[in-house]
Amino acid sequence: VQAPPPTAVPVVFSLSDPGAAIGSVGLNSFGLGLVGGQDFNNDAYAAYTTVGGTATLIGGLPAMVSGILSVALNEYGIGILGGVDNGAAFAALVDPVTNTASLIDNLPMGMGSAIQSVAINNCGYGLIGGTDGQAYAAFVDLSTNTASPIPGLAGGIEIHSVALNVFGVGLIGGDDNVSTAFAAYVDA
């Protein structure tokens, strides 16, 4: 069965920052969106969006050469952001009531570390992946804002993408930036 062609006209809205570049988007089934990227000052930029054309900026984001590389959103409107803050890994949970970001604890702090991909489910978990000089992936407990790194990941690998299902089973993937692909299932 083939899906019918789209009939709606796209709703274009202003993101309140003419210099912003959006690098990642997320959307839940209720039409709430989350966008992330970098503004014209090279600061992290994120906003909730609606299909009606409104955008609400997220507060509490880092400044000074930072950027959001990945966003995800669950059905409750809770968002997760990943990226870089002054050359080190950055991740935060976003509260849909206050429109503010709360930093996730226990992230890699080394220069060159980054969170390149994020996922979130409706059951209290997030999954983040990236690099801290080697493969880095961690489950995030939404009730404590704490990352629990996944042990035993191969050295020299970067995680480029993560996915997480409702049962807490994740899939992470990446490569060694030379010739070796990597993927693994992980379980919270």
Protein backbone atom coordinates (compact mmCIF):
# COMPACT_ATOMS: atom_id res chain seq x y z
CA VAL A 1 0.00 0.00 0.00
CA GLN A 2 1.38 3.31 -1.02
CA ALA A 3 0.98 6.36 1.21
CA PRO A 4 -0.99 9.25 -0.29
CA PRO A 5 1.03 12.28 -1.37
CA PRO A 6 1.25 15.11 1.16
CA THR A 7 -1.45 17.74 0.71
CA ALA A 8 -0.57 20.24 3.43
CA VAL A 9 1.35 23.41 2.73
CA PRO A 10 4.47 23.60 4.95
CA VAL A 11 4.22 25.98 7.88
CA VAL A 12 7.35 28.11 7.96
CA PHE A 13 8.04 29.95 11.19
CA SER A 14 10.63 32.30 12.56
CA LEU A 15 13.06 30.85 15.09
CA SER A 16 13.74 34.29 16.64
CA ASP A 17 17.38 34.10 15.60
CA PRO A 18 18.12 34.89 11.95
CA GLY A 19 21.65 33.45 12.22
CA ALA A 20 20.66 30.08 13.68
CA ALA A 21 21.57 26.87 11.86
CA ILE A 22 19.43 23.83 12.68
CA GLY A 23 21.43 20.59 12.73
CA SER A 24 18.88 18.19 14.23
CA VAL A 25 15.10 17.93 14.66
CA GLY A 26 12.72 15.71 16.61
CA LEU A 27 8.93 15.35 16.47
CA ASN A 28 6.43 13.48 18.62
CA SER A 29 2.99 12.18 17.59
CA PHE A 30 1.25 15.22 19.08
CA GLY A 31 3.00 17.64 16.73
CA LEU A 32 5.45 19.00 19.28
CA GLY A 33 8.87 19.47 17.75
CA LEU A 34 12.35 20.09 19.12
CA VAL A 35 15.08 21.69 17.02
CA GLY A 36 18.74 22.16 17.87
CA GLY A 37 21.86 23.64 16.38
CA GLN A 38 23.96 26.75 16.73
CA ASP A 39 23.20 30.46 16.60
CA PHE A 40 25.15 33.23 14.87
CA ASN A 41 27.35 33.68 17.99
CA ASN A 42 28.34 29.96 17.87
CA ASP A 43 26.25 29.35 21.00
CA ALA A 44 24.06 26.29 21.45
CA TYR A 45 20.54 26.86 20.14
CA ALA A 46 17.37 24.84 20.79
CA ALA A 47 13.63 25.48 20.67
CA TYR A 48 10.34 23.68 21.00
CA THR A 49 8.18 24.11 17.90
CA THR A 50 4.54 23.45 17.07
CA VAL A 51 2.79 22.63 13.81
CA GLY A 52 0.93 25.92 14.26
CA GLY A 53 4.14 27.81 13.63
CA THR A 54 5.35 28.86 17.07
CA ALA A 55 8.84 28.43 18.46
CA THR A 56 9.83 28.68 22.14
CA LEU A 57 13.51 29.04 22.94
CA ILE A 58 15.05 26.62 25.44
CA GLY A 59 16.84 28.31 28.35
CA GLY A 60 19.89 27.10 30.25
CA LEU A 61 22.04 26.21 27.22
CA PRO A 62 25.81 26.72 27.15
CA ALA A 63 27.40 29.65 25.37
CA MET A 64 30.81 30.19 23.77
CA VAL A 65 31.54 27.96 20.78
CA SER A 66 28.91 25.37 21.49
CA GLY A 67 26.43 23.52 19.36
CA ILE A 68 23.65 20.98 19.51
CA LEU A 69 24.44 18.01 17.25
CA SER A 70 21.44 15.81 18.05
CA VAL A 71 17.96 16.12 19.59
CA ALA A 72 15.21 13.65 20.44
CA LEU A 73 11.75 14.01 21.94
CA ASN A 74 9.41 11.55 23.65
CA GLU A 75 5.60 11.49 23.68
CA TYR A 76 5.52 13.40 27.00
CA GLY A 77 7.44 16.30 25.44
CA ILE A 78 10.64 15.59 27.36
CA GLY A 79 13.61 16.33 25.14
CA ILE A 80 17.23 15.30 25.17
CA LEU A 81 20.05 17.29 23.57
CA GLY A 82 23.60 16.29 22.75
CA GLY A 83 26.54 18.21 21.39
CA VAL A 84 29.65 20.14 22.32
CA ASP A 85 30.34 22.85 24.90
CA ASN A 86 33.73 24.56 24.55
CA GLY A 87 35.30 21.46 23.03
CA ALA A 88 33.88 18.96 25.54
CA ALA A 89 30.79 16.73 25.53
CA PHE A 90 27.44 18.32 26.35
CA ALA A 91 24.07 16.67 27.02
CA ALA A 92 20.91 17.91 28.70
CA LEU A 93 17.31 16.98 29.32
CA VAL A 94 14.68 19.55 28.38
CA ASP A 95 11.60 20.14 30.52
CA PRO A 96 8.49 20.89 28.42
CA VAL A 97 6.83 22.82 31.26
CA THR A 98 9.66 25.25 32.04
CA ASN A 99 11.34 25.16 28.58
CA THR A 100 14.73 24.83 30.27
CA ALA A 101 17.63 22.45 29.85
CA SER A 102 19.13 20.56 32.80
CA LEU A 103 22.66 19.28 32.31
CA ILE A 104 23.19 15.52 32.42
CA ASP A 105 25.79 14.46 35.00
CA ASN A 106 28.70 12.06 34.51
CA LEU A 107 29.66 13.02 30.94
CA PRO A 108 33.18 12.80 29.50
CA MET A 109 34.99 16.07 30.14
CA GLY A 110 38.04 15.75 27.90
CA MET A 111 38.74 18.17 25.08
CA GLY A 112 37.54 16.70 21.81
CA SER A 113 34.74 14.73 23.44
CA ALA A 114 31.27 15.13 21.95
CA ILE A 115 27.79 13.68 22.14
CA GLN A 116 26.92 13.03 18.49
CA SER A 117 23.58 11.22 18.83
CA VAL A 118 20.76 11.01 21.38
CA ALA A 119 17.56 8.99 21.84
CA ILE A 120 14.82 8.97 24.47
CA ASN A 121 11.91 6.67 25.25
CA ASN A 122 8.66 7.07 27.20
CA CYS A 123 9.81 4.75 29.99
CA GLY A 124 12.37 6.90 31.80
CA TYR A 125 15.54 6.33 29.78
CA GLY A 126 17.69 8.12 27.28
CA LEU A 127 20.68 6.87 25.30
CA ILE A 128 23.60 9.07 24.22
CA GLY A 129 26.60 8.28 22.05
CA GLY A 130 29.71 9.96 20.75
CA THR A 131 33.38 10.04 21.56
CA ASP A 132 35.76 10.89 24.35
CA GLY A 133 38.88 9.78 22.48
CA GLN A 134 37.30 6.35 22.17
CA ALA A 135 33.78 5.00 21.82
CA TYR A 136 31.39 6.56 24.32
CA ALA A 137 27.79 5.56 24.93
CA ALA A 138 25.67 5.81 28.06
CA PHE A 139 22.16 5.26 29.28
CA VAL A 140 20.57 8.29 30.92
CA ASP A 141 18.19 7.91 33.85
CA LEU A 142 15.59 10.65 33.36
CA SER A 143 14.74 10.70 37.07
CA THR A 144 18.30 11.58 38.13
CA ASN A 145 19.77 13.30 35.01
CA THR A 146 22.73 10.93 35.28
CA ALA A 147 24.58 9.13 32.50
CA SER A 148 25.77 5.56 33.12
CA PRO A 149 28.51 4.75 30.59
CA ILE A 150 28.27 1.41 28.82
CA PRO A 151 31.41 -0.62 29.60
CA GLY A 152 33.45 -2.67 27.15
CA LEU A 153 33.19 -0.53 24.03
CA ALA A 154 36.09 -0.88 21.60
CA GLY A 155 38.84 1.73 21.65
CA GLY A 156 39.30 3.87 18.55
CA ILE A 157 35.62 3.75 17.62
CA GLU A 158 33.29 6.76 17.50
CA ILE A 159 29.56 6.34 18.04
CA HIS A 160 27.67 8.28 15.36
CA SER A 161 24.10 7.08 15.92
CA VAL A 162 21.95 5.65 18.73
CA ALA A 163 18.39 4.33 18.94
CA LEU A 164 16.33 3.23 21.94
CA ASN A 165 13.09 1.28 22.17
CA VAL A 166 10.40 1.26 24.87
CA PHE A 167 11.92 -1.82 26.52
CA GLY A 168 15.25 -0.07 27.18
CA VAL A 169 17.10 -1.92 24.42
CA GLY A 170 19.39 0.31 22.43
CA LEU A 171 21.31 0.06 19.18
CA ILE A 172 24.53 2.02 18.75
CA GLY A 173 26.60 2.40 15.60
CA GLY A 174 29.74 4.07 14.37
CA ASP A 175 33.17 3.43 12.94
CA ASP A 176 36.88 3.87 13.49
CA ASN A 177 37.12 6.71 10.92
CA VAL A 178 39.26 4.45 8.73
CA SER A 179 37.62 1.25 7.55
CA THR A 180 35.85 -0.62 10.35
CA ALA A 181 32.10 -0.28 10.89
CA PHE A 182 30.70 -0.96 14.34
CA ALA A 183 27.19 -1.68 15.67
CA ALA A 184 26.00 -3.25 18.90
CA TYR A 185 22.83 -3.84 20.87
CA VAL A 186 22.96 -2.53 24.43
CA ASP A 187 20.52 -3.08 27.28
CA ALA A 188 19.69 -0.78 30.17
